[in-house]
Amino acid sequence: VVIRLGRGFNGIAFDGDLVRAGAAALDAHVARKAAAEGLNLTFLR
């Protein structure tokens, strides 16, 4: 069985300087959303 995570696993949430991201969230999307919150995950972009 190959398991592929999709829409139910791509959420991104913020709590202060903590970023919680689902395993299916794209690296680039996490970097962009974090940057908009003033959080540096730019290496993921």
ModelCIF file with pLDDT and N, C-alpha, C, O atoms, coordinates in Angstrom:
data_MODEL
#
_entry.id   MODEL 
#
_entity.id                         1 
_entity.type                       polymer 
_entity.pdbx_number_of_molecules   1 
#
_entity_poly.entity_id                      1 
_entity_poly.type                           'polypeptide(L)' 
_entity_poly.nstd_linkage                   no 
_entity_poly.nstd_monomer                   no 
_entity_poly.pdbx_seq_one_letter_code       VVIRLGRGFNGIAFDGDLVRAGAAALDAHVARKAAAEGLNLTFLR 
_entity_poly.pdbx_seq_one_letter_code_can   VVIRLGRGFNGIAFDGDLVRAGAAALDAHVARKAAAEGLNLTFLR 
_entity_poly.pdbx_strand_id                 A 
#
loop_
_entity_poly_seq.entity_id 
_entity_poly_seq.num 
_entity_poly_seq.mon_id 
_entity_poly_seq.hetero 
1 1  VAL n 
1 2  VAL n 
1 3  ILE n 
1 4  ARG n 
1 5  LEU n 
1 6  GLY n 
1 7  ARG n 
1 8  GLY n 
1 9  PHE n 
1 10 ASN n 
1 11 GLY n 
1 12 ILE n 
1 13 ALA n 
1 14 PHE n 
1 15 ASP n 
1 16 GLY n 
1 17 ASP n 
1 18 LEU n 
1 19 VAL n 
1 20 ARG n 
1 21 ALA n 
1 22 GLY n 
1 23 ALA n 
1 24 ALA n 
1 25 ALA n 
1 26 LEU n 
1 27 ASP n 
1 28 ALA n 
1 29 HIS n 
1 30 VAL n 
1 31 ALA n 
1 32 ARG n 
1 33 LYS n 
1 34 ALA n 
1 35 ALA n 
1 36 ALA n 
1 37 GLU n 
1 38 GLY n 
1 39 LEU n 
1 40 ASN n 
1 41 LEU n 
1 42 THR n 
1 43 PHE n 
1 44 LEU n 
1 45 ARG n 
#
_struct_asym.id          A 
_struct_asym.entity_id   1 
#
loop_
_ma_qa_metric.id 
_ma_qa_metric.mode 
_ma_qa_metric.name 
_ma_qa_metric.software_group_id 
_ma_qa_metric.type 
1 global pLDDT . pLDDT 
2 local  pLDDT . pLDDT 
#
_ma_qa_metric_global.metric_id      1 
_ma_qa_metric_global.metric_value   96.93 
_ma_qa_metric_global.model_id       1 
_ma_qa_metric_global.ordinal_id     1 
#
loop_
_ma_qa_metric_local.label_asym_id 
_ma_qa_metric_local.label_comp_id 
_ma_qa_metric_local.label_seq_id 
_ma_qa_metric_local.metric_id 
_ma_qa_metric_local.metric_value 
_ma_qa_metric_local.model_id 
_ma_qa_metric_local.ordinal_id 
A VAL 1  2 98.00 1 1  
A VAL 2  2 98.00 1 2  
A ILE 3  2 98.00 1 3  
A ARG 4  2 97.00 1 4  
A LEU 5  2 97.00 1 5  
A GLY 6  2 93.00 1 6  
A ARG 7  2 90.00 1 7  
A GLY 8  2 91.00 1 8  
A PHE 9  2 97.00 1 9  
A ASN 10 2 96.00 1 10 
A GLY 11 2 97.00 1 11 
A ILE 12 2 98.00 1 12 
A ALA 13 2 98.00 1 13 
A PHE 14 2 98.00 1 14 
A ASP 15 2 98.00 1 15 
A GLY 16 2 97.00 1 16 
A ASP 17 2 97.00 1 17 
A LEU 18 2 98.00 1 18 
A VAL 19 2 98.00 1 19 
A ARG 20 2 98.00 1 20 
A ALA 21 2 98.00 1 21 
A GLY 22 2 98.00 1 22 
A ALA 23 2 98.00 1 23 
A ALA 24 2 97.00 1 24 
A ALA 25 2 98.00 1 25 
A LEU 26 2 97.00 1 26 
A ASP 27 2 97.00 1 27 
A ALA 28 2 96.00 1 28 
A HIS 29 2 97.00 1 29 
A VAL 30 2 98.00 1 30 
A ALA 31 2 97.00 1 31 
A ARG 32 2 97.00 1 32 
A LYS 33 2 98.00 1 33 
A ALA 34 2 98.00 1 34 
A ALA 35 2 98.00 1 35 
A ALA 36 2 98.00 1 36 
A GLU 37 2 98.00 1 37 
A GLY 38 2 98.00 1 38 
A LEU 39 2 98.00 1 39 
A ASN 40 2 97.00 1 40 
A LEU 41 2 97.00 1 41 
A THR 42 2 96.00 1 42 
A PHE 43 2 95.00 1 43 
A LEU 44 2 96.00 1 44 
A ARG 45 2 95.00 1 45 
#
loop_
_atom_site.group_PDB 
_atom_site.id 
_atom_site.type_symbol 
_atom_site.label_atom_id 
_atom_site.label_alt_id 
_atom_site.label_comp_id 
_atom_site.label_asym_id 
_atom_site.label_entity_id 
_atom_site.label_seq_id 
_atom_site.pdbx_PDB_ins_code 
_atom_site.Cartn_x 
_atom_site.Cartn_y 
_atom_site.Cartn_z 
_atom_site.occupancy 
_atom_site.B_iso_or_equiv 
_atom_site.pdbx_formal_charge 
_atom_site.auth_seq_id 
_atom_site.auth_comp_id 
_atom_site.auth_asym_id 
_atom_site.auth_atom_id 
_atom_site.pdbx_PDB_model_num 
ATOM 1   N N  . VAL A 1 1  ? 0.838  -1.196 0.000  1.00 98.00 ? 1  VAL A N  1 
ATOM 2   C CA . VAL A 1 1  ? 0.000  0.000  0.000  1.00 98.00 ? 1  VAL A CA 1 
ATOM 3   C C  . VAL A 1 1  ? 0.877  1.251  0.000  1.00 98.00 ? 1  VAL A C  1 
ATOM 4   O O  . VAL A 1 1  ? 1.731  1.417  0.870  1.00 98.00 ? 1  VAL A O  1 
ATOM 5   N N  . VAL A 1 2  ? 0.663  2.114  -0.964 1.00 98.00 ? 2  VAL A N  1 
ATOM 6   C CA . VAL A 1 2  ? 1.287  3.438  -0.971 1.00 98.00 ? 2  VAL A CA 1 
ATOM 7   C C  . VAL A 1 2  ? 0.287  4.409  -0.355 1.00 98.00 ? 2  VAL A C  1 
ATOM 8   O O  . VAL A 1 2  ? -0.867 4.470  -0.778 1.00 98.00 ? 2  VAL A O  1 
ATOM 9   N N  . ILE A 1 3  ? 0.729  5.166  0.641  1.00 98.00 ? 3  ILE A N  1 
ATOM 10  C CA . ILE A 1 3  ? -0.137 6.125  1.324  1.00 98.00 ? 3  ILE A CA 1 
ATOM 11  C C  . ILE A 1 3  ? 0.259  7.529  0.904  1.00 98.00 ? 3  ILE A C  1 
ATOM 12  O O  . ILE A 1 3  ? 1.406  7.944  1.067  1.00 98.00 ? 3  ILE A O  1 
ATOM 13  N N  . ARG A 1 4  ? -0.712 8.250  0.362  1.00 97.00 ? 4  ARG A N  1 
ATOM 14  C CA . ARG A 1 4  ? -0.449 9.621  -0.085 1.00 97.00 ? 4  ARG A CA 1 
ATOM 15  C C  . ARG A 1 4  ? -1.403 10.568 0.635  1.00 97.00 ? 4  ARG A C  1 
ATOM 16  O O  . ARG A 1 4  ? -2.621 10.488 0.473  1.00 97.00 ? 4  ARG A O  1 
ATOM 17  N N  . LEU A 1 5  ? -0.831 11.461 1.429  1.00 97.00 ? 5  LEU A N  1 
ATOM 18  C CA . LEU A 1 5  ? -1.631 12.422 2.191  1.00 97.00 ? 5  LEU A CA 1 
ATOM 19  C C  . LEU A 1 5  ? -2.038 13.581 1.294  1.00 97.00 ? 5  LEU A C  1 
ATOM 20  O O  . LEU A 1 5  ? -1.275 14.018 0.433  1.00 97.00 ? 5  LEU A O  1 
ATOM 21  N N  . GLY A 1 6  ? -3.237 14.063 1.508  1.00 93.00 ? 6  GLY A N  1 
ATOM 22  C CA . GLY A 1 6  ? -3.751 15.157 0.676  1.00 93.00 ? 6  GLY A CA 1 
ATOM 23  C C  . GLY A 1 6  ? -4.363 16.267 1.491  1.00 93.00 ? 6  GLY A C  1 
ATOM 24  O O  . GLY A 1 6  ? -3.769 16.742 2.459  1.00 93.00 ? 6  GLY A O  1 
ATOM 25  N N  . ARG A 1 7  ? -5.568 16.688 1.094  1.00 90.00 ? 7  ARG A N  1 
ATOM 26  C CA . ARG A 1 7  ? -6.174 17.905 1.624  1.00 90.00 ? 7  ARG A CA 1 
ATOM 27  C C  . ARG A 1 7  ? -6.376 17.884 3.138  1.00 90.00 ? 7  ARG A C  1 
ATOM 28  O O  . ARG A 1 7  ? -6.302 18.930 3.782  1.00 90.00 ? 7  ARG A O  1 
ATOM 29  N N  . GLY A 1 8  ? -6.627 16.721 3.709  1.00 91.00 ? 8  GLY A N  1 
ATOM 30  C CA . GLY A 1 8  ? -6.836 16.663 5.153  1.00 91.00 ? 8  GLY A CA 1 
ATOM 31  C C  . GLY A 1 8  ? -5.563 16.820 5.967  1.00 91.00 ? 8  GLY A C  1 
ATOM 32  O O  . GLY A 1 8  ? -5.604 16.796 7.197  1.00 91.00 ? 8  GLY A O  1 
ATOM 33  N N  . PHE A 1 9  ? -4.432 16.980 5.289  1.00 97.00 ? 9  PHE A N  1 
ATOM 34  C CA . PHE A 1 9  ? -3.134 17.013 5.981  1.00 97.00 ? 9  PHE A CA 1 
ATOM 35  C C  . PHE A 1 9  ? -2.271 18.193 5.536  1.00 97.00 ? 9  PHE A C  1 
ATOM 36  O O  . PHE A 1 9  ? -1.047 18.132 5.654  1.00 97.00 ? 9  PHE A O  1 
ATOM 37  N N  . ASN A 1 10 ? -2.881 19.266 5.026  1.00 96.00 ? 10 ASN A N  1 
ATOM 38  C CA . ASN A 1 10 ? -2.058 20.374 4.513  1.00 96.00 ? 10 ASN A CA 1 
ATOM 39  C C  . ASN A 1 10 ? -2.318 21.688 5.222  1.00 96.00 ? 10 ASN A C  1 
ATOM 40  O O  . ASN A 1 10 ? -2.007 22.751 4.685  1.00 96.00 ? 10 ASN A O  1 
ATOM 41  N N  . GLY A 1 11 ? -2.885 21.634 6.422  1.00 97.00 ? 11 GLY A N  1 
ATOM 42  C CA . GLY A 1 11 ? -3.157 22.867 7.167  1.00 97.00 ? 11 GLY A CA 1 
ATOM 43  C C  . GLY A 1 11 ? -1.881 23.528 7.676  1.00 97.00 ? 11 GLY A C  1 
ATOM 44  O O  . GLY A 1 11 ? -0.869 22.862 7.894  1.00 97.00 ? 11 GLY A O  1 
ATOM 45  N N  . ILE A 1 12 ? -1.940 24.844 7.864  1.00 98.00 ? 12 ILE A N  1 
ATOM 46  C CA . ILE A 1 12 ? -0.825 25.622 8.425  1.00 98.00 ? 12 ILE A CA 1 
ATOM 47  C C  . ILE A 1 12 ? -1.406 26.546 9.489  1.00 98.00 ? 12 ILE A C  1 
ATOM 48  O O  . ILE A 1 12 ? -2.339 27.301 9.214  1.00 98.00 ? 12 ILE A O  1 
ATOM 49  N N  . ALA A 1 13 ? -0.855 26.492 10.709 1.00 98.00 ? 13 ALA A N  1 
ATOM 50  C CA . ALA A 1 13 ? -1.364 27.318 11.807 1.00 98.00 ? 13 ALA A CA 1 
ATOM 51  C C  . ALA A 1 13 ? -0.199 27.952 12.558 1.00 98.00 ? 13 ALA A C  1 
ATOM 52  O O  . ALA A 1 13 ? 0.917  27.432 12.561 1.00 98.00 ? 13 ALA A O  1 
ATOM 53  N N  . PHE A 1 14 ? -0.484 29.091 13.199 1.00 98.00 ? 14 PHE A N  1 
ATOM 54  C CA . PHE A 1 14 ? 0.560  29.851 13.890 1.00 98.00 ? 14 PHE A CA 1 
ATOM 55  C C  . PHE A 1 14 ? 0.162  30.089 15.348 1.00 98.00 ? 14 PHE A C  1 
ATOM 56  O O  . PHE A 1 14 ? -1.005 30.321 15.664 1.00 98.00 ? 14 PHE A O  1 
ATOM 57  N N  . ASP A 1 15 ? 1.167  30.026 16.224 1.00 98.00 ? 15 ASP A N  1 
ATOM 58  C CA . ASP A 1 15 ? 0.977  30.317 17.643 1.00 98.00 ? 15 ASP A CA 1 
ATOM 59  C C  . ASP A 1 15 ? 2.248  30.991 18.141 1.00 98.00 ? 15 ASP A C  1 
ATOM 60  O O  . ASP A 1 15 ? 3.199  30.321 18.543 1.00 98.00 ? 15 ASP A O  1 
ATOM 61  N N  . GLY A 1 16 ? 2.260  32.321 18.112 1.00 97.00 ? 16 GLY A N  1 
ATOM 62  C CA . GLY A 1 16 ? 3.490  33.044 18.427 1.00 97.00 ? 16 GLY A CA 1 
ATOM 63  C C  . GLY A 1 16 ? 4.537  32.744 17.373 1.00 97.00 ? 16 GLY A C  1 
ATOM 64  O O  . GLY A 1 16 ? 4.309  32.969 16.185 1.00 97.00 ? 16 GLY A O  1 
ATOM 65  N N  . ASP A 1 17 ? 5.698  32.231 17.806 1.00 97.00 ? 17 ASP A N  1 
ATOM 66  C CA . ASP A 1 17 ? 6.743  31.902 16.836 1.00 97.00 ? 17 ASP A CA 1 
ATOM 67  C C  . ASP A 1 17 ? 6.711  30.427 16.427 1.00 97.00 ? 17 ASP A C  1 
ATOM 68  O O  . ASP A 1 17 ? 7.635  29.940 15.775 1.00 97.00 ? 17 ASP A O  1 
ATOM 69  N N  . LEU A 1 18 ? 5.649  29.722 16.813 1.00 98.00 ? 18 LEU A N  1 
ATOM 70  C CA . LEU A 1 18 ? 5.509  28.322 16.419 1.00 98.00 ? 18 LEU A CA 1 
ATOM 71  C C  . LEU A 1 18 ? 4.679  28.210 15.144 1.00 98.00 ? 18 LEU A C  1 
ATOM 72  O O  . LEU A 1 18 ? 3.664  28.887 14.984 1.00 98.00 ? 18 LEU A O  1 
ATOM 73  N N  . VAL A 1 19 ? 5.128  27.347 14.247 1.00 98.00 ? 19 VAL A N  1 
ATOM 74  C CA . VAL A 1 19 ? 4.416  27.081 13.003 1.00 98.00 ? 19 VAL A CA 1 
ATOM 75  C C  . VAL A 1 19 ? 4.077  25.594 12.979 1.00 98.00 ? 19 VAL A C  1 
ATOM 76  O O  . VAL A 1 19 ? 4.967  24.746 13.043 1.00 98.00 ? 19 VAL A O  1 
ATOM 77  N N  . ARG A 1 20 ? 2.778  25.282 12.887 1.00 98.00 ? 20 ARG A N  1 
ATOM 78  C CA . ARG A 1 20 ? 2.340  23.887 12.766 1.00 98.00 ? 20 ARG A CA 1 
ATOM 79  C C  . ARG A 1 20 ? 1.882  23.660 11.339 1.00 98.00 ? 20 ARG A C  1 
ATOM 80  O O  . ARG A 1 20 ? 0.987  24.346 10.845 1.00 98.00 ? 20 ARG A O  1 
ATOM 81  N N  . ALA A 1 21 ? 2.494  22.706 10.689 1.00 98.00 ? 21 ALA A N  1 
ATOM 82  C CA . ALA A 1 21 ? 2.175  22.450 9.282  1.00 98.00 ? 21 ALA A CA 1 
ATOM 83  C C  . ALA A 1 21 ? 1.896  20.969 9.076  1.00 98.00 ? 21 ALA A C  1 
ATOM 84  O O  . ALA A 1 21 ? 2.629  20.109 9.565  1.00 98.00 ? 21 ALA A O  1 
ATOM 85  N N  . GLY A 1 22 ? 0.820  20.685 8.341  1.00 98.00 ? 22 GLY A N  1 
ATOM 86  C CA . GLY A 1 22 ? 0.520  19.312 7.976  1.00 98.00 ? 22 GLY A CA 1 
ATOM 87  C C  . GLY A 1 22 ? 1.590  18.775 7.046  1.00 98.00 ? 22 GLY A C  1 
ATOM 88  O O  . GLY A 1 22 ? 2.240  19.536 6.329  1.00 98.00 ? 22 GLY A O  1 
ATOM 89  N N  . ALA A 1 23 ? 1.775  17.450 7.058  1.00 98.00 ? 23 ALA A N  1 
ATOM 90  C CA . ALA A 1 23 ? 2.838  16.838 6.274  1.00 98.00 ? 23 ALA A CA 1 
ATOM 91  C C  . ALA A 1 23 ? 2.667  17.061 4.784  1.00 98.00 ? 23 ALA A C  1 
ATOM 92  O O  . ALA A 1 23 ? 3.651  17.044 4.043  1.00 98.00 ? 23 ALA A O  1 
ATOM 93  N N  . ALA A 1 24 ? 1.420  17.274 4.321  1.00 97.00 ? 24 ALA A N  1 
ATOM 94  C CA . ALA A 1 24 ? 1.181  17.477 2.889  1.00 97.00 ? 24 ALA A CA 1 
ATOM 95  C C  . ALA A 1 24 ? 1.298  18.934 2.469  1.00 97.00 ? 24 ALA A C  1 
ATOM 96  O O  . ALA A 1 24 ? 1.209  19.234 1.278  1.00 97.00 ? 24 ALA A O  1 
ATOM 97  N N  . ALA A 1 25 ? 1.494  19.846 3.416  1.00 98.00 ? 25 ALA A N  1 
ATOM 98  C CA . ALA A 1 25 ? 1.674  21.258 3.063  1.00 98.00 ? 25 ALA A CA 1 
ATOM 99  C C  . ALA A 1 25 ? 2.974  21.431 2.280  1.00 98.00 ? 25 ALA A C  1 
ATOM 100 O O  . ALA A 1 25 ? 4.010  20.888 2.663  1.00 98.00 ? 25 ALA A O  1 
ATOM 101 N N  . LEU A 1 26 ? 2.916  22.179 1.197  1.00 97.00 ? 26 LEU A N  1 
ATOM 102 C CA . LEU A 1 26 ? 4.105  22.382 0.378  1.00 97.00 ? 26 LEU A CA 1 
ATOM 103 C C  . LEU A 1 26 ? 5.107  23.273 1.103  1.00 97.00 ? 26 LEU A C  1 
ATOM 104 O O  . LEU A 1 26 ? 4.728  24.250 1.750  1.00 97.00 ? 26 LEU A O  1 
ATOM 105 N N  . ASP A 1 27 ? 6.398  22.925 0.989  1.00 97.00 ? 27 ASP A N  1 
ATOM 106 C CA . ASP A 1 27 ? 7.450  23.703 1.640  1.00 97.00 ? 27 ASP A CA 1 
ATOM 107 C C  . ASP A 1 27 ? 7.350  25.184 1.276  1.00 97.00 ? 27 ASP A C  1 
ATOM 108 O O  . ASP A 1 27 ? 7.416  26.054 2.144  1.00 97.00 ? 27 ASP A O  1 
ATOM 109 N N  . ALA A 1 28 ? 7.189  25.456 -0.017 1.00 96.00 ? 28 ALA A N  1 
ATOM 110 C CA . ALA A 1 28 ? 7.149  26.843 -0.489 1.00 96.00 ? 28 ALA A CA 1 
ATOM 111 C C  . ALA A 1 28 ? 5.969  27.590 0.104  1.00 96.00 ? 28 ALA A C  1 
ATOM 112 O O  . ALA A 1 28 ? 6.087  28.768 0.438  1.00 96.00 ? 28 ALA A O  1 
ATOM 113 N N  . HIS A 1 29 ? 4.834  26.920 0.237  1.00 97.00 ? 29 HIS A N  1 
ATOM 114 C CA . HIS A 1 29 ? 3.627  27.551 0.774  1.00 97.00 ? 29 HIS A CA 1 
ATOM 115 C C  . HIS A 1 29 ? 3.814  27.875 2.252  1.00 97.00 ? 29 HIS A C  1 
ATOM 116 O O  . HIS A 1 29 ? 3.395  28.935 2.717  1.00 97.00 ? 29 HIS A O  1 
ATOM 117 N N  . VAL A 1 30 ? 4.445  26.962 2.991  1.00 98.00 ? 30 VAL A N  1 
ATOM 118 C CA . VAL A 1 30 ? 4.730  27.192 4.406  1.00 98.00 ? 30 VAL A CA 1 
ATOM 119 C C  . VAL A 1 30 ? 5.662  28.394 4.562  1.00 98.00 ? 30 VAL A C  1 
ATOM 120 O O  . VAL A 1 30 ? 5.448  29.241 5.429  1.00 98.00 ? 30 VAL A O  1 
ATOM 121 N N  . ALA A 1 31 ? 6.688  28.467 3.726  1.00 97.00 ? 31 ALA A N  1 
ATOM 122 C CA . ALA A 1 31 ? 7.635  29.590 3.790  1.00 97.00 ? 31 ALA A CA 1 
ATOM 123 C C  . ALA A 1 31 ? 6.931  30.916 3.542  1.00 97.00 ? 31 ALA A C  1 
ATOM 124 O O  . ALA A 1 31 ? 7.179  31.894 4.247  1.00 97.00 ? 31 ALA A O  1 
ATOM 125 N N  . ARG A 1 32 ? 6.052  30.955 2.541  1.00 97.00 ? 32 ARG A N  1 
ATOM 126 C CA . ARG A 1 32 ? 5.347  32.200 2.203  1.00 97.00 ? 32 ARG A CA 1 
ATOM 127 C C  . ARG A 1 32 ? 4.390  32.619 3.313  1.00 97.00 ? 32 ARG A C  1 
ATOM 128 O O  . ARG A 1 32 ? 4.345  33.789 3.693  1.00 97.00 ? 32 ARG A O  1 
ATOM 129 N N  . LYS A 1 33 ? 3.626  31.662 3.829  1.00 98.00 ? 33 LYS A N  1 
ATOM 130 C CA . LYS A 1 33 ? 2.656  31.979 4.888  1.00 98.00 ? 33 LYS A CA 1 
ATOM 131 C C  . LYS A 1 33 ? 3.378  32.429 6.155  1.00 98.00 ? 33 LYS A C  1 
ATOM 132 O O  . LYS A 1 33 ? 2.928  33.348 6.839  1.00 98.00 ? 33 LYS A O  1 
ATOM 133 N N  . ALA A 1 34 ? 4.507  31.774 6.465  1.00 98.00 ? 34 ALA A N  1 
ATOM 134 C CA . ALA A 1 34 ? 5.277  32.160 7.645  1.00 98.00 ? 34 ALA A CA 1 
ATOM 135 C C  . ALA A 1 34 ? 5.845  33.563 7.481  1.00 98.00 ? 34 ALA A C  1 
ATOM 136 O O  . ALA A 1 34 ? 5.813  34.365 8.415  1.00 98.00 ? 34 ALA A O  1 
ATOM 137 N N  . ALA A 1 35 ? 6.366  33.856 6.290  1.00 98.00 ? 35 ALA A N  1 
ATOM 138 C CA . ALA A 1 35 ? 6.939  35.188 6.039  1.00 98.00 ? 35 ALA A CA 1 
ATOM 139 C C  . ALA A 1 35 ? 5.892  36.278 6.248  1.00 98.00 ? 35 ALA A C  1 
ATOM 140 O O  . ALA A 1 35 ? 6.201  37.341 6.789  1.00 98.00 ? 35 ALA A O  1 
ATOM 141 N N  . ALA A 1 36 ? 4.670  36.022 5.826  1.00 98.00 ? 36 ALA A N  1 
ATOM 142 C CA . ALA A 1 36 ? 3.591  37.004 5.999  1.00 98.00 ? 36 ALA A CA 1 
ATOM 143 C C  . ALA A 1 36 ? 3.310  37.258 7.478  1.00 98.00 ? 36 ALA A C  1 
ATOM 144 O O  . ALA A 1 36 ? 2.798  38.316 7.845  1.00 98.00 ? 36 ALA A O  1 
ATOM 145 N N  . GLU A 1 37 ? 3.649  36.274 8.335  1.00 98.00 ? 37 GLU A N  1 
ATOM 146 C CA . GLU A 1 37 ? 3.480  36.424 9.787  1.00 98.00 ? 37 GLU A CA 1 
ATOM 147 C C  . GLU A 1 37 ? 4.743  36.974 10.453 1.00 98.00 ? 37 GLU A C  1 
ATOM 148 O O  . GLU A 1 37 ? 4.792  37.117 11.675 1.00 98.00 ? 37 GLU A O  1 
ATOM 149 N N  . GLY A 1 38 ? 5.777  37.285 9.637  1.00 98.00 ? 38 GLY A N  1 
ATOM 150 C CA . GLY A 1 38 ? 7.034  37.772 10.187 1.00 98.00 ? 38 GLY A CA 1 
ATOM 151 C C  . GLY A 1 38 ? 7.876  36.670 10.804 1.00 98.00 ? 38 GLY A C  1 
ATOM 152 O O  . GLY A 1 38 ? 8.616  36.903 11.760 1.00 98.00 ? 38 GLY A O  1 
ATOM 153 N N  . LEU A 1 39 ? 7.760  35.465 10.252 1.00 98.00 ? 39 LEU A N  1 
ATOM 154 C CA . LEU A 1 39 ? 8.508  34.315 10.756 1.00 98.00 ? 39 LEU A CA 1 
ATOM 155 C C  . LEU A 1 39 ? 9.401  33.766 9.650  1.00 98.00 ? 39 LEU A C  1 
ATOM 156 O O  . LEU A 1 39 ? 8.951  33.562 8.522  1.00 98.00 ? 39 LEU A O  1 
ATOM 157 N N  . ASN A 1 40 ? 10.672 33.528 9.980  1.00 97.00 ? 40 ASN A N  1 
ATOM 158 C CA . ASN A 1 40 ? 11.673 33.198 8.980  1.00 97.00 ? 40 ASN A CA 1 
ATOM 159 C C  . ASN A 1 40 ? 11.827 31.688 8.786  1.00 97.00 ? 40 ASN A C  1 
ATOM 160 O O  . ASN A 1 40 ? 12.537 31.010 9.528  1.00 97.00 ? 40 ASN A O  1 
ATOM 161 N N  . LEU A 1 41 ? 11.136 31.192 7.764  1.00 97.00 ? 41 LEU A N  1 
ATOM 162 C CA . LEU A 1 41 ? 11.371 29.836 7.268  1.00 97.00 ? 41 LEU A CA 1 
ATOM 163 C C  . LEU A 1 41 ? 11.738 29.923 5.787  1.00 97.00 ? 41 LEU A C  1 
ATOM 164 O O  . LEU A 1 41 ? 11.378 29.054 4.992  1.00 97.00 ? 41 LEU A O  1 
ATOM 165 N N  . THR A 1 42 ? 12.461 30.987 5.432  1.00 96.00 ? 42 THR A N  1 
ATOM 166 C CA . THR A 1 42 ? 12.714 31.277 4.021  1.00 96.00 ? 42 THR A CA 1 
ATOM 167 C C  . THR A 1 42 ? 13.513 30.175 3.328  1.00 96.00 ? 42 THR A C  1 
ATOM 168 O O  . THR A 1 42 ? 13.424 30.024 2.110  1.00 96.00 ? 42 THR A O  1 
ATOM 169 N N  . PHE A 1 43 ? 14.297 29.399 4.092  1.00 95.00 ? 43 PHE A N  1 
ATOM 170 C CA . PHE A 1 43 ? 15.090 28.347 3.435  1.00 95.00 ? 43 PHE A CA 1 
ATOM 171 C C  . PHE A 1 43 ? 14.193 27.309 2.765  1.00 95.00 ? 43 PHE A C  1 
ATOM 172 O O  . PHE A 1 43 ? 14.630 26.604 1.856  1.00 95.00 ? 43 PHE A O  1 
ATOM 173 N N  . LEU A 1 44 ? 12.937 27.213 3.212  1.00 96.00 ? 44 LEU A N  1 
ATOM 174 C CA . LEU A 1 44 ? 12.021 26.249 2.615  1.00 96.00 ? 44 LEU A CA 1 
ATOM 175 C C  . LEU A 1 44 ? 11.473 26.711 1.264  1.00 96.00 ? 44 LEU A C  1 
ATOM 176 O O  . LEU A 1 44 ? 10.921 25.905 0.514  1.00 96.00 ? 44 LEU A O  1 
ATOM 177 N N  . ARG A 1 45 ? 11.619 27.992 0.950  1.00 95.00 ? 45 ARG A N  1 
ATOM 178 C CA . ARG A 1 45 ? 10.943 28.555 -0.220 1.00 95.00 ? 45 ARG A CA 1 
ATOM 179 C C  . ARG A 1 45 ? 11.376 27.899 -1.529 1.00 95.00 ? 45 ARG A C  1 
ATOM 180 O O  . ARG A 1 45 ? 10.890 28.272 -2.597 1.00 95.00 ? 45 ARG A O  1 
#
